Amino acid sequence: METSFSVNDVTIHRIIEEEKGHTPILEFFPTLSKEMLEENRAWLEPDALDPVTGNVKLCYQSYVVKTPHHTVLVDSCIGNDKNHPNRPAWTGRKDPAFMNGLAAAGVKPGEIDYVMCTHLHMDHVGWNTKMENGRWVPTFPNARYLFSETEYKFWEAQHAQNRLHYMEDSVLPIIEAKKADLVKSAHGVNDYFTLVPTPGHTIDHYAVRIGKGGKDALITGDFIHSPLQAKYPDLAMRVDYNPKQGGETRWKMLGELCDTSTLCCTAHFPSPSVGRIKRWGDGFKCEFVG
């Protein structure tokens, strides 16, 4: 399985932490009917739908992007030693997969210049920090961490009302270490790396355009979770902040990507996760590469 892709003078590495199904697909997509599921079961199984458990299968991964100017980590997965009361399988992990993936890509933590979190959910911020001498410290000591200001303030307020462990262990320590840059609207780090507002899944979710002119690749974050949402862009997942807006974002972004050479690097599609967007009936599909 290919986990590295080169487009012009940019190299993209997938850093996979885990790939499995945690949630029944009809629970993950509350508006998905049993009839629609049966219509699509044949192509969903076994890669995107576990035929035994009925769980939607997702890949939990980051992307390392090497441009001529910087090395950037987009999203930081689940992390080790974290406390997730609602996700026991992610609590107290001692999993070497993420760091092994970085090493396999030839990247050391100190070589990361930027960490971009597309949004502030627990499976996208976990490796922001690591436990060291009883405290949470930045995993990537030389990096600036990019968070949406609107997104950060929203989750900060949520945390003040109802404790969010991942904010305590993976986000607030970055703020306290003065390693965070809170960004607004579309934000260009340089001519190879631009943040694109893609709201709906969260209040101010971002995708990331890669390459000169943003045409080489697009890292989706969670504006889309499953190939089923490419075929049916209006299909919302269970924790979307604004399901209608999420659907509008998918139609817009997939429409822009359709029939272009731009690589679509998805956060959660099953391996190989990366491909190009094509029309499929009234919706879209991702024709995987690698």
C-alpha atoms as a PDB file:
ATOM      1  CA  MET A   1       0.000   0.000   0.000  1.00  0.00           C
ATOM      2  CA  GLU A   2       1.382   3.383  -1.004  1.00  0.00           C
ATOM      3  CA  THR A   3       1.593   5.891   1.845  1.00  0.00           C
ATOM      4  CA  SER A   4       3.697   8.590   0.147  1.00  0.00           C
ATOM      5  CA  PHE A   5       2.775  10.711  -2.854  1.00  0.00           C
ATOM      6  CA  SER A   6       4.784  13.276  -4.800  1.00  0.00           C
ATOM      7  CA  VAL A   7       3.082  16.029  -6.780  1.00  0.00           C
ATOM      8  CA  ASN A   8       5.407  18.449  -8.535  1.00  0.00           C
ATOM      9  CA  ASP A   9       7.760  19.654  -5.768  1.00  0.00           C
ATOM     10  CA  VAL A  10       5.562  18.581  -2.844  1.00  0.00           C
ATOM     11  CA  THR A  11       5.686  15.237  -1.027  1.00  0.00           C
ATOM     12  CA  ILE A  12       2.768  14.015   1.090  1.00  0.00           C
ATOM     13  CA  HIS A  13       3.049  11.183   3.625  1.00  0.00           C
ATOM     14  CA  ARG A  14       0.145   9.402   5.305  1.00  0.00           C
ATOM     15  CA  ILE A  15       0.827   8.735   8.998  1.00  0.00           C
ATOM     16  CA  ILE A  16      -1.676   6.059  10.029  1.00  0.00           C
ATOM     17  CA  GLU A  17      -2.463   5.571  13.708  1.00  0.00           C
ATOM     18  CA  GLU A  18      -5.284   3.048  13.400  1.00  0.00           C
ATOM     19  CA  GLU A  19      -7.835   1.781  10.916  1.00  0.00           C
ATOM     20  CA  LYS A  20     -10.979   0.132  12.241  1.00  0.00           C
ATOM     21  CA  GLY A  21     -14.686   0.514  12.832  1.00  0.00           C
ATOM     22  CA  HIS A  22     -15.976   1.773  16.174  1.00  0.00           C
ATOM     23  CA  THR A  23     -19.590   2.743  15.419  1.00  0.00           C
ATOM     24  CA  PRO A  24     -22.545   1.035  13.662  1.00  0.00           C
ATOM     25  CA  ILE A  25     -23.056   2.756  10.331  1.00  0.00           C
ATOM     26  CA  LEU A  26     -26.743   3.514  10.963  1.00  0.00           C
ATOM     27  CA  GLU A  27     -25.742   5.221  14.206  1.00  0.00           C
ATOM     28  CA  PHE A  28     -22.834   7.067  12.593  1.00  0.00           C
ATOM     29  CA  PHE A  29     -25.133   8.409   9.857  1.00  0.00           C
ATOM     30  CA  PRO A  30     -28.486   8.984  11.635  1.00  0.00           C
ATOM     31  CA  THR A  31     -30.401   9.866   8.457  1.00  0.00           C
ATOM     32  CA  LEU A  32     -29.137   6.846   6.516  1.00  0.00           C
ATOM     33  CA  SER A  33     -32.079   4.530   5.890  1.00  0.00           C
ATOM     34  CA  LYS A  34     -31.796   0.760   5.968  1.00  0.00           C
ATOM     35  CA  GLU A  35     -32.980   0.739   2.356  1.00  0.00           C
ATOM     36  CA  MET A  36     -30.215   3.111   1.246  1.00  0.00           C
ATOM     37  CA  LEU A  37     -27.671   1.066   3.160  1.00  0.00           C
ATOM     38  CA  GLU A  38     -28.732  -2.127   1.406  1.00  0.00           C
ATOM     39  CA  GLU A  39     -28.544  -0.395  -1.989  1.00  0.00           C
ATOM     40  CA  ASN A  40     -24.893   0.413  -1.313  1.00  0.00           C
ATOM     41  CA  ARG A  41     -23.740  -2.486   0.834  1.00  0.00           C
ATOM     42  CA  ALA A  42     -22.064  -4.399  -2.000  1.00  0.00           C
ATOM     43  CA  TRP A  43     -19.532  -1.679  -2.785  1.00  0.00           C
ATOM     44  CA  LEU A  44     -19.088  -0.489   0.807  1.00  0.00           C
ATOM     45  CA  GLU A  45     -18.061  -3.917   2.112  1.00  0.00           C
ATOM     46  CA  PRO A  46     -15.498  -4.850   3.262  1.00  0.00           C
ATOM     47  CA  ASP A  47     -13.311  -1.722   3.027  1.00  0.00           C
ATOM     48  CA  ALA A  48     -15.713   0.989   4.202  1.00  0.00           C
ATOM     49  CA  LEU A  49     -18.192  -1.186   6.111  1.00  0.00           C
ATOM     50  CA  ASP A  50     -17.334  -4.126   8.351  1.00  0.00           C
ATOM     51  CA  PRO A  51     -19.545  -6.996   7.121  1.00  0.00           C
ATOM     52  CA  VAL A  52     -19.417  -8.718  10.526  1.00  0.00           C
ATOM     53  CA  THR A  53     -20.060  -5.855  12.960  1.00  0.00           C
ATOM     54  CA  GLY A  54     -21.892  -3.416  10.679  1.00  0.00           C
ATOM     55  CA  ASN A  55     -19.514  -0.684  11.832  1.00  0.00           C
ATOM     56  CA  VAL A  56     -18.392   2.078   9.499  1.00  0.00           C
ATOM     57  CA  LYS A  57     -14.658   1.616   8.941  1.00  0.00           C
ATOM     58  CA  LEU A  58     -12.474   4.688   9.243  1.00  0.00           C
ATOM     59  CA  CYS A  59      -8.790   5.420   9.001  1.00  0.00           C
ATOM     60  CA  TYR A  60      -7.350   7.668  11.721  1.00  0.00           C
ATOM     61  CA  GLN A  61      -4.350   9.398  10.218  1.00  0.00           C
ATOM     62  CA  SER A  62      -2.313  12.546   9.806  1.00  0.00           C
ATOM     63  CA  TYR A  63      -0.580  13.941   6.759  1.00  0.00           C
ATOM     64  CA  VAL A  64       2.987  15.196   6.672  1.00  0.00           C
ATOM     65  CA  VAL A  65       3.494  17.651   3.828  1.00  0.00           C
ATOM     66  CA  LYS A  66       7.006  18.545   2.700  1.00  0.00           C
ATOM     67  CA  THR A  67       7.219  21.684   0.567  1.00  0.00           C
ATOM     68  CA  PRO A  68      10.372  23.490  -0.566  1.00  0.00           C
ATOM     69  CA  HIS A  69       9.878  25.836   2.401  1.00  0.00           C
ATOM     70  CA  HIS A  70       8.421  23.881   5.316  1.00  0.00           C
ATOM     71  CA  THR A  71       7.452  20.525   6.773  1.00  0.00           C
ATOM     72  CA  VAL A  72       3.843  20.591   7.951  1.00  0.00           C
ATOM     73  CA  LEU A  73       1.785  18.104   9.960  1.00  0.00           C
ATOM     74  CA  VAL A  74      -1.932  18.285   9.212  1.00  0.00           C
ATOM     75  CA  ASP A  75      -3.938  16.946  12.168  1.00  0.00           C
ATOM     76  CA  SER A  76      -2.350  14.924  14.942  1.00  0.00           C
ATOM     77  CA  CYS A  77      -4.614  11.921  15.467  1.00  0.00           C
ATOM     78  CA  ILE A  78      -5.455  10.307  18.816  1.00  0.00           C
ATOM     79  CA  GLY A  79      -2.282  10.351  20.877  1.00  0.00           C
ATOM     80  CA  ASN A  80      -0.904   8.302  23.753  1.00  0.00           C
ATOM     81  CA  ASP A  81      -1.620   8.495  27.487  1.00  0.00           C
ATOM     82  CA  LYS A  82      -4.777  10.544  26.920  1.00  0.00           C
ATOM     83  CA  ASN A  83      -8.024  10.290  28.882  1.00  0.00           C
ATOM     84  CA  HIS A  84     -11.201   9.832  26.831  1.00  0.00           C
ATOM     85  CA  PRO A  85     -14.047   8.740  29.136  1.00  0.00           C
ATOM     86  CA  ASN A  86     -16.376   8.182  26.173  1.00  0.00           C
ATOM     87  CA  ARG A  87     -13.758   6.261  24.186  1.00  0.00           C
ATOM     88  CA  PRO A  88     -12.169   3.624  26.452  1.00  0.00           C
ATOM     89  CA  ALA A  89     -10.147   2.201  23.548  1.00  0.00           C
ATOM     90  CA  TRP A  90      -8.411   5.559  23.204  1.00  0.00           C
ATOM     91  CA  THR A  91      -7.702   6.014  26.917  1.00  0.00           C
ATOM     92  CA  GLY A  92      -4.190   5.389  28.211  1.00  0.00           C
ATOM     93  CA  ARG A  93      -2.898   4.212  24.842  1.00  0.00           C
ATOM     94  CA  LYS A  94       0.717   3.109  24.482  1.00  0.00           C
ATOM     95  CA  ASP A  95       0.663   2.686  20.737  1.00  0.00           C
ATOM     96  CA  PRO A  96       3.887   3.230  18.746  1.00  0.00           C
ATOM     97  CA  ALA A  97       2.104   3.393  15.371  1.00  0.00           C
ATOM     98  CA  PHE A  98       2.070   7.179  14.984  1.00  0.00           C
ATOM     99  CA  MET A  99       5.711   7.761  15.881  1.00  0.00           C
ATOM    100  CA  ASN A 100       6.750   4.748  13.832  1.00  0.00           C
ATOM    101  CA  GLY A 101       4.887   6.251  10.890  1.00  0.00           C
ATOM    102  CA  LEU A 102       6.714   9.547  11.280  1.00  0.00           C
ATOM    103  CA  ALA A 103      10.038   7.727  11.398  1.00  0.00           C
ATOM    104  CA  ALA A 104       9.153   5.700   8.303  1.00  0.00           C
ATOM    105  CA  ALA A 105       8.478   8.988   6.500  1.00  0.00           C
ATOM    106  CA  GLY A 106      11.943  10.187   7.519  1.00  0.00           C
ATOM    107  CA  VAL A 107      10.591  12.906   9.800  1.00  0.00           C
ATOM    108  CA  LYS A 108      11.667  13.699  13.353  1.00  0.00           C
ATOM    109  CA  PRO A 109       9.331  15.636  15.682  1.00  0.00           C
ATOM    110  CA  GLY A 110      11.787  18.521  15.850  1.00  0.00           C
ATOM    111  CA  GLU A 111      11.683  18.907  12.070  1.00  0.00           C
ATOM    112  CA  ILE A 112       7.986  19.839  11.939  1.00  0.00           C
ATOM    113  CA  ASP A 113       7.591  23.578  11.274  1.00  0.00           C
ATOM    114  CA  TYR A 114       3.797  23.795  11.546  1.00  0.00           C
ATOM    115  CA  VAL A 115       1.023  21.653  12.993  1.00  0.00           C
ATOM    116  CA  MET A 116      -2.339  22.477  11.467  1.00  0.00           C
ATOM    117  CA  CYS A 117      -5.467  21.141  13.188  1.00  0.00           C
ATOM    118  CA  THR A 118      -8.348  21.213  10.717  1.00  0.00           C
ATOM    119  CA  HIS A 119     -10.684  21.297  13.724  1.00  0.00           C
ATOM    120  CA  LEU A 120     -10.520  20.632  17.439  1.00  0.00           C
ATOM    121  CA  HIS A 121     -11.957  17.152  17.899  1.00  0.00           C
ATOM    122  CA  MET A 122     -10.121  14.578  19.998  1.00  0.00           C
ATOM    123  CA  ASP A 123      -8.911  12.445  17.081  1.00  0.00           C
ATOM    124  CA  HIS A 124      -7.302  15.430  15.352  1.00  0.00           C
ATOM    125  CA  VAL A 125      -5.343  16.952  18.250  1.00  0.00           C
ATOM    126  CA  GLY A 126      -4.031  14.004  20.259  1.00  0.00           C
ATOM    127  CA  TRP A 127      -0.360  14.087  19.321  1.00  0.00           C
ATOM    128  CA  ASN A 128      -0.204  17.855  19.779  1.00  0.00           C
ATOM    129  CA  THR A 129       1.232  16.990  23.177  1.00  0.00           C
ATOM    130  CA  LYS A 130       3.027  14.189  24.980  1.00  0.00           C
ATOM    131  CA  MET A 131       3.409  13.364  28.649  1.00  0.00           C
ATOM    132  CA  GLU A 132       6.828  14.326  29.966  1.00  0.00           C
ATOM    133  CA  ASN A 133       7.757  14.379  33.657  1.00  0.00           C
ATOM    134  CA  GLY A 134       4.118  14.449  34.680  1.00  0.00           C
ATOM    135  CA  ARG A 135       3.016  17.298  32.427  1.00  0.00           C
ATOM    136  CA  TRP A 136       1.762  17.783  28.895  1.00  0.00           C
ATOM    137  CA  VAL A 137       4.340  19.361  26.598  1.00  0.00           C
ATOM    138  CA  PRO A 138       4.318  20.049  22.838  1.00  0.00           C
ATOM    139  CA  THR A 139       5.295  16.930  20.894  1.00  0.00           C
ATOM    140  CA  PHE A 140       6.728  19.078  18.114  1.00  0.00           C
ATOM    141  CA  PRO A 141       8.954  21.540  19.979  1.00  0.00           C
ATOM    142  CA  ASN A 142       9.903  23.745  17.034  1.00  0.00           C
ATOM    143  CA  ALA A 143       6.456  23.982  15.457  1.00  0.00           C
ATOM    144  CA  ARG A 144       3.841  26.683  15.442  1.00  0.00           C
ATOM    145  CA  TYR A 145       0.397  25.192  15.933  1.00  0.00           C
ATOM    146  CA  LEU A 146      -2.374  26.664  13.780  1.00  0.00           C
ATOM    147  CA  PHE A 147      -5.911  26.681  15.195  1.00  0.00           C
ATOM    148  CA  SER A 148      -8.944  28.543  13.912  1.00  0.00           C
ATOM    149  CA  GLU A 149      -9.618  31.357  16.360  1.00  0.00           C
ATOM    150  CA  THR A 150     -13.387  30.860  16.077  1.00  0.00           C
ATOM    151  CA  GLU A 151     -13.019  27.119  16.549  1.00  0.00           C
ATOM    152  CA  TYR A 152     -10.744  27.528  19.553  1.00  0.00           C
ATOM    153  CA  LYS A 153     -13.012  30.049  21.287  1.00  0.00           C
ATOM    154  CA  PHE A 154     -16.036  27.807  20.703  1.00  0.00           C
ATOM    155  CA  TRP A 155     -14.405  24.761  22.287  1.00  0.00           C
ATOM    156  CA  GLU A 156     -12.864  26.842  25.058  1.00  0.00           C
ATOM    157  CA  ALA A 157     -16.392  27.964  25.991  1.00  0.00           C
ATOM    158  CA  GLN A 158     -17.709  24.399  25.749  1.00  0.00           C
ATOM    159  CA  HIS A 159     -14.910  23.218  28.020  1.00  0.00           C
ATOM    160  CA  ALA A 160     -15.748  25.905  30.573  1.00  0.00           C
ATOM    161  CA  GLN A 161     -19.309  24.559  30.753  1.00  0.00           C
ATOM    162  CA  ASN A 162     -18.595  20.836  30.539  1.00  0.00           C
ATOM    163  CA  ARG A 163     -15.093  19.469  30.995  1.00  0.00           C
ATOM    164  CA  LEU A 164     -13.455  18.253  27.788  1.00  0.00           C
ATOM    165  CA  HIS A 165     -10.434  16.143  28.662  1.00  0.00           C
ATOM    166  CA  TYR A 166      -8.848  16.517  25.244  1.00  0.00           C
ATOM    167  CA  MET A 167      -8.884  20.303  25.585  1.00  0.00           C
ATOM    168  CA  GLU A 168      -6.997  19.910  28.862  1.00  0.00           C
ATOM    169  CA  ASP A 169      -4.369  17.532  27.560  1.00  0.00           C
ATOM    170  CA  SER A 170      -3.995  18.379  23.865  1.00  0.00           C
ATOM    171  CA  VAL A 171      -5.045  21.985  23.184  1.00  0.00           C
ATOM    172  CA  LEU A 172      -4.694  24.209  26.250  1.00  0.00           C
ATOM    173  CA  PRO A 173      -1.067  23.141  26.889  1.00  0.00           C
ATOM    174  CA  ILE A 174      -0.210  24.464  23.414  1.00  0.00           C
ATOM    175  CA  ILE A 175      -1.850  27.794  24.232  1.00  0.00           C
ATOM    176  CA  GLU A 176      -0.042  27.939  27.580  1.00  0.00           C
ATOM    177  CA  ALA A 177       3.296  27.158  25.909  1.00  0.00           C
ATOM    178  CA  LYS A 178       2.665  30.113  23.555  1.00  0.00           C
ATOM    179  CA  LYS A 179       3.051  27.822  20.553  1.00  0.00           C
ATOM    180  CA  ALA A 180      -0.367  28.521  19.017  1.00  0.00           C
ATOM    181  CA  ASP A 181      -1.295  30.902  16.221  1.00  0.00           C
ATOM    182  CA  LEU A 182      -5.042  31.566  16.096  1.00  0.00           C
ATOM    183  CA  VAL A 183      -6.017  32.220  12.501  1.00  0.00           C
ATOM    184  CA  LYS A 184      -9.055  33.825  10.898  1.00  0.00           C
ATOM    185  CA  SER A 185     -10.782  33.097   7.604  1.00  0.00           C
ATOM    186  CA  ALA A 186      -8.659  31.836   4.710  1.00  0.00           C
ATOM    187  CA  HIS A 187      -5.041  31.833   5.814  1.00  0.00           C
ATOM    188  CA  GLY A 188      -1.932  31.332   3.701  1.00  0.00           C
ATOM    189  CA  VAL A 189       1.196  30.069   5.437  1.00  0.00           C
ATOM    190  CA  ASN A 190       3.094  30.418   2.171  1.00  0.00           C
ATOM    191  CA  ASP A 191       2.391  29.913  -1.516  1.00  0.00           C
ATOM    192  CA  TYR A 192       2.325  26.128  -0.990  1.00  0.00           C
ATOM    193  CA  PHE A 193      -0.026  25.906   1.972  1.00  0.00           C
ATOM    194  CA  THR A 194      -3.425  27.609   2.327  1.00  0.00           C
ATOM    195  CA  LEU A 195      -6.228  27.036   4.809  1.00  0.00           C
ATOM    196  CA  VAL A 196      -9.743  26.927   3.354  1.00  0.00           C
ATOM    197  CA  PRO A 197     -12.893  27.432   5.470  1.00  0.00           C
ATOM    198  CA  THR A 198     -15.105  24.335   5.177  1.00  0.00           C
ATOM    199  CA  PRO A 199     -17.645  24.704   8.011  1.00  0.00           C
ATOM    200  CA  GLY A 200     -20.405  22.341   9.004  1.00  0.00           C
ATOM    201  CA  HIS A 201     -18.780  19.429  10.787  1.00  0.00           C
ATOM    202  CA  THR A 202     -17.581  21.980  13.326  1.00  0.00           C
ATOM    203  CA  ILE A 203     -18.218  25.690  13.643  1.00  0.00           C
ATOM    204  CA  ASP A 204     -15.076  26.753  11.744  1.00  0.00           C
ATOM    205  CA  HIS A 205     -13.569  23.662  10.175  1.00  0.00           C
ATOM    206  CA  TYR A 206     -10.712  24.103   7.684  1.00  0.00           C
ATOM    207  CA  ALA A 207      -9.396  22.082   4.780  1.00  0.00           C
ATOM    208  CA  VAL A 208      -5.869  22.586   3.471  1.00  0.00           C
ATOM    209  CA  ARG A 209      -4.848  23.353  -0.109  1.00  0.00           C
ATOM    210  CA  ILE A 210      -1.368  22.157  -1.020  1.00  0.00           C
ATOM    211  CA  GLY A 211       0.979  23.288  -3.796  1.00  0.00           C
ATOM    212  CA  LYS A 212       1.416  26.441  -5.821  1.00  0.00           C
ATOM    213  CA  GLY A 213      -2.041  27.746  -6.579  1.00  0.00           C
ATOM    214  CA  GLY A 214      -3.501  25.088  -4.293  1.00  0.00           C
ATOM    215  CA  LYS A 215      -3.914  22.710  -7.223  1.00  0.00           C
ATOM    216  CA  ASP A 216      -1.647  19.817  -6.198  1.00  0.00           C
ATOM    217  CA  ALA A 217      -3.706  18.405  -3.347  1.00  0.00           C
ATOM    218  CA  LEU A 218      -6.453  19.138  -0.864  1.00  0.00           C
ATOM    219  CA  ILE A 219      -6.483  17.639   2.637  1.00  0.00           C
ATOM    220  CA  THR A 220     -10.125  17.373   3.602  1.00  0.00           C
ATOM    221  CA  GLY A 221     -10.097  17.068   7.357  1.00  0.00           C
ATOM    222  CA  ASP A 222     -13.577  15.992   8.419  1.00  0.00           C
ATOM    223  CA  PHE A 223     -15.784  17.810   5.949  1.00  0.00           C
ATOM    224  CA  ILE A 224     -16.231  14.241   4.675  1.00  0.00           C
ATOM    225  CA  HIS A 225     -15.810  10.953   6.572  1.00  0.00           C
ATOM    226  CA  SER A 226     -16.834   8.121   4.280  1.00  0.00           C
ATOM    227  CA  PRO A 227     -17.068   7.341   0.554  1.00  0.00           C
ATOM    228  CA  LEU A 228     -20.816   7.080   1.154  1.00  0.00           C
ATOM    229  CA  GLN A 229     -20.910  10.851   1.715  1.00  0.00           C
ATOM    230  CA  ALA A 230     -19.243  11.409  -1.637  1.00  0.00           C
ATOM    231  CA  LYS A 231     -22.072   9.558  -3.339  1.00  0.00           C
ATOM    232  CA  TYR A 232     -24.633  11.338  -1.125  1.00  0.00           C
ATOM    233  CA  PRO A 233     -23.146  14.707  -0.093  1.00  0.00           C
ATOM    234  CA  ASP A 234     -26.198  15.652   1.980  1.00  0.00           C
ATOM    235  CA  LEU A 235     -25.613  12.680   4.301  1.00  0.00           C
ATOM    236  CA  ALA A 236     -24.571  14.043   7.702  1.00  0.00           C
ATOM    237  CA  MET A 237     -22.647  12.234  10.407  1.00  0.00           C
ATOM    238  CA  ARG A 238     -23.863  12.123  13.970  1.00  0.00           C
ATOM    239  CA  VAL A 239     -21.840  14.922  15.586  1.00  0.00           C
ATOM    240  CA  ASP A 240     -21.953  17.508  12.800  1.00  0.00           C
ATOM    241  CA  TYR A 241     -22.348  20.989  14.275  1.00  0.00           C
ATOM    242  CA  ASN A 242     -24.497  22.166  11.358  1.00  0.00           C
ATOM    243  CA  PRO A 243     -25.589  19.237   9.164  1.00  0.00           C
ATOM    244  CA  LYS A 244     -27.119  21.406   6.428  1.00  0.00           C
ATOM    245  CA  GLN A 245     -23.989  23.528   6.155  1.00  0.00           C
ATOM    246  CA  GLY A 246     -21.867  20.376   6.131  1.00  0.00           C
ATOM    247  CA  GLY A 247     -23.784  19.102   3.123  1.00  0.00           C
ATOM    248  CA  GLU A 248     -23.378  22.419   1.331  1.00  0.00           C
ATOM    249  CA  THR A 249     -19.633  22.291   2.003  1.00  0.00           C
ATOM    250  CA  ARG A 250     -19.355  18.780   0.550  1.00  0.00           C
ATOM    251  CA  TRP A 251     -21.256  19.730  -2.614  1.00  0.00           C
ATOM    252  CA  LYS A 252     -19.061  22.802  -3.056  1.00  0.00           C
ATOM    253  CA  MET A 253     -15.695  21.191  -2.370  1.00  0.00           C
ATOM    254  CA  LEU A 254     -16.327  17.939  -4.223  1.00  0.00           C
ATOM    255  CA  GLY A 255     -17.691  19.919  -7.157  1.00  0.00           C
ATOM    256  CA  GLU A 256     -14.516  21.997  -7.273  1.00  0.00           C
ATOM    257  CA  LEU A 257     -12.320  18.884  -7.122  1.00  0.00           C
ATOM    258  CA  CYS A 258     -14.320  16.858  -9.637  1.00  0.00           C
ATOM    259  CA  ASP A 259     -12.485  15.897 -12.841  1.00  0.00           C
ATOM    260  CA  THR A 260      -9.346  17.814 -11.891  1.00  0.00           C
ATOM    261  CA  SER A 261      -5.848  16.467 -11.267  1.00  0.00           C
ATOM    262  CA  THR A 262      -5.933  17.622  -7.642  1.00  0.00           C
ATOM    263  CA  LEU A 263      -5.308  14.815  -5.165  1.00  0.00           C
ATOM    264  CA  CYS A 264      -8.056  14.508  -2.556  1.00  0.00           C
ATOM    265  CA  CYS A 265      -6.384  13.418   0.687  1.00  0.00           C
ATOM    266  CA  THR A 266      -9.154  12.309   3.019  1.00  0.00           C
ATOM    267  CA  ALA A 267      -8.849  12.101   6.772  1.00  0.00           C
ATOM    268  CA  HIS A 268     -10.966   9.013   7.372  1.00  0.00           C
ATOM    269  CA  PHE A 269     -11.622   7.125   4.130  1.00  0.00           C
ATOM    270  CA  PRO A 270     -10.288   3.556   4.355  1.00  0.00           C
ATOM    271  CA  SER A 271      -6.898   2.937   2.813  1.00  0.00           C
ATOM    272  CA  PRO A 272      -5.550   4.034   0.437  1.00  0.00           C
ATOM    273  CA  SER A 273      -7.535   7.192   1.386  1.00  0.00           C
ATOM    274  CA  VAL A 274      -6.085   9.349  -1.410  1.00  0.00           C
ATOM    275  CA  GLY A 275      -7.511   9.759  -4.891  1.00  0.00           C
ATOM    276  CA  ARG A 276      -9.199  12.005  -7.406  1.00  0.00           C
ATOM    277  CA  ILE A 277     -12.843  13.012  -7.401  1.00  0.00           C
ATOM    278  CA  LYS A 278     -15.086  11.879 -10.258  1.00  0.00           C
ATOM    279  CA  ARG A 279     -18.805  12.082 -10.952  1.00  0.00           C
ATOM    280  CA  TRP A 280     -20.911   9.108  -9.915  1.00  0.00           C
ATOM    281  CA  GLY A 281     -24.586   9.424 -10.711  1.00  0.00           C
ATOM    282  CA  ASP A 282     -25.908  12.512  -8.985  1.00  0.00           C
ATOM    283  CA  GLY A 283     -22.949  12.552  -6.600  1.00  0.00           C
ATOM    284  CA  PHE A 284     -19.261  11.768  -6.603  1.00  0.00           C
ATOM    285  CA  LYS A 285     -16.704   9.073  -5.929  1.00  0.00           C
ATOM    286  CA  CYS A 286     -13.032   9.060  -5.055  1.00  0.00           C
ATOM    287  CA  GLU A 287     -10.954   7.015  -7.486  1.00  0.00           C
ATOM    288  CA  PHE A 288      -8.112   5.933  -5.249  1.00  0.00           C
ATOM    289  CA  VAL A 289      -4.460   6.035  -6.235  1.00  0.00           C
ATOM    290  CA  GLY A 290      -1.619   4.077  -4.671  1.00  0.00           C
END
